[in-house]
Protein backbone atom coordinates (compact mmCIF):
# COMPACT_ATOMS: atom_id res chain seq x y z
CA UNK A 1 32.43 -2.79 18.20
CA UNK A 2 29.73 -4.07 20.52
CA UNK A 3 26.68 -1.85 20.99
CA UNK A 4 25.64 -3.58 24.19
CA UNK A 5 26.90 -1.59 27.15
CA UNK A 6 27.01 -2.26 30.87
CA UNK A 7 25.75 0.13 33.52
CA UNK A 8 29.15 1.85 34.16
CA UNK A 9 29.00 3.29 30.64
CA UNK A 10 26.17 5.54 31.81
CA UNK A 11 28.71 7.66 33.61
CA UNK A 12 29.96 8.84 30.24
CA UNK A 13 26.56 10.15 29.21
CA UNK A 14 25.57 13.77 29.55
CA UNK A 15 22.77 14.57 31.97
CA UNK A 16 20.38 15.44 29.16
CA UNK A 17 21.09 12.20 27.30
CA UNK A 18 20.55 10.21 30.48
CA UNK A 19 17.25 11.95 31.17
CA UNK A 20 16.08 11.21 27.64
CA UNK A 21 17.08 7.56 27.87
CA UNK A 22 15.42 7.00 31.22
CA UNK A 23 12.23 8.59 29.92
CA UNK A 24 12.10 6.26 26.94
CA UNK A 25 13.18 2.95 28.42
CA UNK A 26 11.91 0.44 30.91
CA UNK A 27 14.22 -0.38 33.81
CA UNK A 28 14.89 -4.10 33.48
CA UNK A 29 18.01 -4.69 35.56
CA UNK A 30 17.66 -7.03 38.51
CA UNK A 31 19.22 -6.55 41.91
CA UNK A 32 22.94 -7.25 41.72
CA UNK A 33 22.96 -7.79 37.95
CA UNK A 34 24.00 -4.99 35.56
CA UNK A 35 21.57 -4.40 32.72
CA UNK A 36 22.62 -4.61 29.07
CA UNK A 37 22.15 -1.59 26.86
CA UNK A 38 21.48 -1.48 23.15
CA UNK A 39 22.08 1.81 21.34
CA UNK A 40 19.10 2.61 19.13
CA UNK A 41 19.62 5.21 16.39
CA UNK A 42 16.41 7.09 15.56
CA UNK A 43 15.69 9.92 13.15
CA UNK A 44 15.53 13.41 14.63
CA UNK A 45 13.04 15.99 13.42
CA UNK A 46 12.86 19.62 14.50
CA UNK A 47 10.03 22.14 14.58
CA UNK A 48 9.91 25.65 13.13
CA UNK A 49 12.08 26.93 15.99
CA UNK A 50 14.75 24.24 15.73
CA UNK A 51 13.50 22.34 18.77
CA UNK A 52 13.57 18.55 18.52
CA UNK A 53 10.07 17.11 18.11
CA UNK A 54 9.45 14.39 20.72
CA UNK A 55 8.99 10.82 19.62
CA UNK A 56 5.38 9.82 19.02
CA UNK A 57 3.56 7.97 21.77
CA UNK A 58 3.32 4.97 19.44
CA UNK A 59 7.09 4.75 19.04
CA UNK A 60 7.75 5.28 22.74
CA UNK A 61 5.36 2.43 23.54
CA UNK A 62 6.96 0.24 20.87
CA UNK A 63 10.46 0.77 22.28
CA UNK A 64 9.33 0.24 25.86
CA UNK A 65 7.55 -2.99 24.96
CA UNK A 66 10.56 -4.34 23.06
CA UNK A 67 12.91 -3.31 25.87
CA UNK A 68 10.84 -5.20 28.40
CA UNK A 69 10.46 -8.30 26.23
CA UNK A 70 14.16 -8.44 25.25
CA UNK A 71 15.37 -7.72 28.80
CA UNK A 72 17.62 -5.05 27.29
CA UNK A 73 17.53 -1.34 27.98
CA UNK A 74 17.28 0.66 24.76
CA UNK A 75 19.53 3.71 24.71
CA UNK A 76 17.78 6.01 22.23
CA UNK A 77 20.03 8.44 20.35
CA UNK A 78 18.46 10.80 17.83
CA UNK A 79 20.20 12.31 14.81
CA UNK A 80 19.26 13.74 11.42
CA UNK A 81 18.45 10.73 9.26
CA UNK A 82 21.57 10.81 7.07
CA UNK A 83 23.84 10.93 10.12
CA UNK A 84 21.89 8.16 11.87
CA UNK A 85 22.35 5.98 8.78
CA UNK A 86 26.09 6.72 8.67
CA UNK A 87 26.41 5.75 12.33
CA UNK A 88 24.61 2.47 11.63
CA UNK A 89 27.05 1.78 8.79
CA UNK A 90 29.92 2.48 11.21
CA UNK A 91 28.54 -0.03 13.70
CA UNK A 92 27.61 2.51 16.36
CA UNK A 93 24.12 1.18 16.99
CA UNK A 94 20.98 -0.46 15.69
CA UNK A 95 18.93 1.84 13.49
CA UNK A 96 15.13 2.08 13.52
CA UNK A 97 12.79 3.32 10.80
CA UNK A 98 14.80 1.98 7.88
CA UNK A 99 13.64 0.33 4.66
CA UNK A 100 15.77 -2.11 2.65
CA UNK A 101 17.64 -1.08 -0.49
CA UNK A 102 20.40 -2.91 -2.37
CA UNK A 103 23.09 -0.65 -0.88
CA UNK A 104 21.75 -0.98 2.66
CA UNK A 105 21.46 -4.77 2.41
CA UNK A 106 25.15 -4.95 1.50
CA UNK A 107 26.04 -3.39 4.86
CA UNK A 108 23.21 -4.17 7.26
CA UNK A 109 21.11 -7.08 8.49
CA UNK A 110 17.38 -6.31 8.72
CA UNK A 111 14.75 -7.33 11.24
CA UNK A 112 11.37 -8.62 10.22
CA UNK A 113 8.88 -5.94 9.19
CA UNK A 114 7.73 -3.79 12.11
CA UNK A 115 4.94 -2.02 10.22
CA UNK A 116 4.27 -0.54 6.79
CA UNK A 117 4.18 3.18 6.09
CA UNK A 118 2.80 4.99 3.09
CA UNK A 119 4.81 7.57 1.18
CA UNK A 120 2.40 10.41 0.45
CA UNK A 121 2.72 13.24 -2.04
CA UNK A 122 1.99 16.63 -0.45
CA UNK A 123 1.06 19.49 -2.80
CA UNK A 124 -0.24 23.07 -2.60
CA UNK A 125 -4.02 22.98 -2.82
CA UNK A 126 -4.07 26.00 -5.14
CA UNK A 127 -1.71 24.26 -7.57
CA UNK A 128 -3.01 20.74 -7.05
CA UNK A 129 -2.28 18.23 -9.80
CA UNK A 130 -3.73 14.75 -9.96
CA UNK A 131 -1.42 11.85 -9.18
CA UNK A 132 -2.32 8.33 -10.31
CA UNK A 133 0.99 6.82 -11.40
CA UNK A 134 4.69 7.59 -11.16
CA UNK A 135 4.76 9.00 -14.71
CA UNK A 136 2.52 11.84 -13.47
CA UNK A 137 5.62 13.26 -11.75
CA UNK A 138 7.38 13.82 -15.08
CA UNK A 139 9.20 17.18 -15.11
CA UNK A 140 7.95 18.02 -11.60
CA UNK A 141 10.28 19.18 -8.83
CA UNK A 142 9.77 17.03 -5.74
CA UNK A 143 11.21 17.53 -2.26
CA UNK A 144 12.97 14.55 -0.66
CA UNK A 145 14.83 14.25 2.64
CA UNK A 146 18.56 13.67 2.18
CA UNK A 147 19.53 10.03 2.57
CA UNK A 148 15.94 8.79 2.64
CA UNK A 149 14.63 5.96 0.46
CA UNK A 150 11.05 6.12 -0.75
CA UNK A 151 11.03 2.62 -2.22
CA UNK A 152 13.54 1.40 -4.77
CA UNK A 153 11.24 1.94 -7.76
CA UNK A 154 10.75 5.58 -6.79
CA UNK A 155 14.43 6.06 -5.88
CA UNK A 156 15.48 4.94 -9.36
CA UNK A 157 13.47 7.77 -10.95
CA UNK A 158 14.97 10.57 -8.85
CA UNK A 159 16.75 13.04 -11.10
CA UNK A 160 15.47 11.19 -14.17
CA UNK A 161 11.68 11.22 -14.36
CA UNK A 162 11.39 14.12 -11.90
CA UNK A 163 13.73 16.74 -10.49
CA UNK A 164 14.81 16.49 -6.88
CA UNK A 165 14.76 19.24 -4.25
CA UNK A 166 17.02 18.10 -1.41
CA UNK A 167 15.46 18.82 1.97
CA UNK A 168 16.29 18.43 5.62
CA UNK A 169 13.78 16.55 7.77
CA UNK A 170 12.39 19.80 9.23
CA UNK A 171 8.74 19.72 8.20
CA UNK A 172 8.21 23.46 8.66
CA UNK A 173 11.00 24.23 6.19
CA UNK A 174 9.59 21.81 3.64
CA UNK A 175 6.14 23.36 3.96
CA UNK A 176 7.52 26.86 3.49
CA UNK A 177 9.46 25.86 0.37
CA UNK A 178 6.33 24.30 -1.09
CA UNK A 179 4.23 27.43 -0.45
CA UNK A 180 6.98 29.56 -2.00
CA UNK A 181 6.70 27.53 -5.20
CA UNK A 182 10.25 26.19 -4.97
CA UNK A 183 8.90 22.70 -5.61
CA UNK A 184 5.71 21.13 -6.89
CA UNK A 185 5.31 18.76 -3.96
CA UNK A 186 7.22 16.72 -1.42
CA UNK A 187 7.26 13.11 -0.28
CA UNK A 188 6.19 12.47 3.29
CA UNK A 189 6.16 9.24 5.29
CA UNK A 190 3.10 8.51 7.43
CA UNK A 191 0.97 5.60 8.57
CA UNK A 192 -2.04 7.98 8.63
CA UNK A 193 -4.61 7.80 5.87
CA UNK A 194 -4.68 10.79 3.44
CA UNK A 195 -7.64 12.64 5.00
CA UNK A 196 -6.25 12.37 8.52
CA UNK A 197 -2.77 13.38 7.36
CA UNK A 198 -4.14 16.37 5.44
CA UNK A 199 -5.97 17.60 8.54
CA UNK A 200 -2.88 17.07 10.67
CA UNK A 201 -0.53 18.92 8.30
CA UNK A 202 -2.78 21.96 7.92
CA UNK A 203 -3.40 22.13 11.66
CA UNK A 204 0.36 21.91 12.30
CA UNK A 205 1.10 24.72 9.85
CA UNK A 206 -1.45 27.18 11.22
CA UNK A 207 -1.02 26.41 14.92
CA UNK A 208 2.71 25.69 15.21
CA UNK A 209 4.19 27.80 12.40
CA UNK A 210 1.72 30.67 12.02
CA UNK A 211 0.68 30.71 15.68
CA UNK A 212 -3.01 30.94 14.84
CA UNK A 213 -5.66 29.54 17.14
CA UNK A 214 -7.86 28.51 14.23
CA UNK A 215 -7.27 27.44 10.65
CA UNK A 216 -8.32 30.06 8.10
CA UNK A 217 -7.98 27.89 4.97
CA UNK A 218 -6.58 24.64 3.63
CA UNK A 219 -3.15 25.14 2.08
CA UNK A 220 -1.77 21.61 1.86
CA UNK A 221 -3.41 18.74 0.01
CA UNK A 222 -2.49 15.07 0.27
CA UNK A 223 -2.87 12.97 -2.86
CA UNK A 224 -5.32 10.13 -2.30
CA UNK A 225 -3.03 7.53 -3.85
CA UNK A 226 0.29 6.92 -2.08
CA UNK A 227 3.55 7.07 -4.01
CA UNK A 228 4.57 3.75 -2.47
CA UNK A 229 4.12 1.50 0.53
CA UNK A 230 7.35 0.88 2.38
CA UNK A 231 8.11 -1.72 5.03
CA UNK A 232 9.82 -0.31 8.13
CA UNK A 233 12.51 -2.31 9.96
CA UNK A 234 15.28 -2.25 12.51
CA UNK A 235 18.76 -2.94 11.09
CA UNK A 236 22.31 -3.46 12.31
CA UNK A 237 25.72 -3.87 10.68
CA UNK A 238 26.51 -7.45 9.61
CA UNK A 239 29.61 -8.02 11.72
CA UNK A 240 28.10 -6.89 15.03
CA UNK A 241 24.69 -8.49 14.61
CA UNK A 242 25.43 -11.74 16.44
CA UNK A 243 22.11 -12.67 18.07
CA UNK A 244 20.73 -9.16 18.49
CA UNK A 245 18.25 -9.29 15.61
CA UNK A 246 17.14 -12.78 16.57
CA UNK A 247 16.23 -11.50 20.04
CA UNK A 248 14.51 -8.48 18.54
CA UNK A 249 12.54 -10.56 16.04
CA UNK A 250 11.38 -12.94 18.76
CA UNK A 251 10.16 -9.96 20.79
CA UNK A 252 8.45 -8.45 17.73
CA UNK A 253 6.63 -11.68 16.92
CA UNK A 254 5.21 -11.82 20.42
CA UNK A 255 4.35 -8.12 20.48
CA UNK A 256 2.62 -8.16 17.08
CA UNK A 257 0.20 -10.80 18.32
CA UNK A 258 -1.30 -8.33 20.78
CA UNK A 259 -4.35 -6.17 20.07
CA UNK A 260 -2.45 -3.15 21.40
CA UNK A 261 0.15 -3.43 18.64
CA UNK A 262 -2.49 -3.81 15.94
CA UNK A 263 -4.07 -0.53 17.05
CA UNK A 264 -0.74 1.25 17.49
CA UNK A 265 -0.04 1.91 13.79
CA UNK A 266 -3.48 1.52 12.20
CA UNK A 267 -4.86 5.07 12.27
């Protein structure tokens, strides 16, 4: 099934979906010529109140730049990660934010690397343990988001070297479980460096979850050494790829040569 759509397909969208799409895409159709649409499946995260957290400014800018360069309007659809992955397997769109694994390669074609993210280990500061190597997780209980890969070496040790606590992608829920002692730590993707991420997580907990104007203490610590470094890609099912990834890769190559892109994911 093709994931390029012509303008008339917009009539089937709900008003809210249309508003979201128009906010995230660049209008590229020319007078008299219908624009092509590419469905882009993106992970959905919710806050402590169940409200969907908006895409980061970096990702919005990335999608807009690619849309303009490819002359294709990106129709962003957000789902919990596991569902987004299932939809990609079913050929319902191109997925963003995915890393290669043997299983995924058997079903999907991957773009070139967009950027690299670090997988960090988040722990309670009061029960902080030192992490230097994967073996340090022996007999620990670690929170992971369902359907998420943290690098194939790490994935292979889940349920073997360390116990797994299956989580949703809701960060507030994961933080609460950690503070309650239901796990020893959780894996968290970020392109931020440990100190910046630690500040961000603690600020988020006190301001967004506790509703406090100021931070009274530091509850969450980020291990200085990442669990792994994972390359992030776009991907699409083999049989509907055609030239879509080639167009995307060409746009990425051009975009990655700009200073703006270099700054986008280098915090």
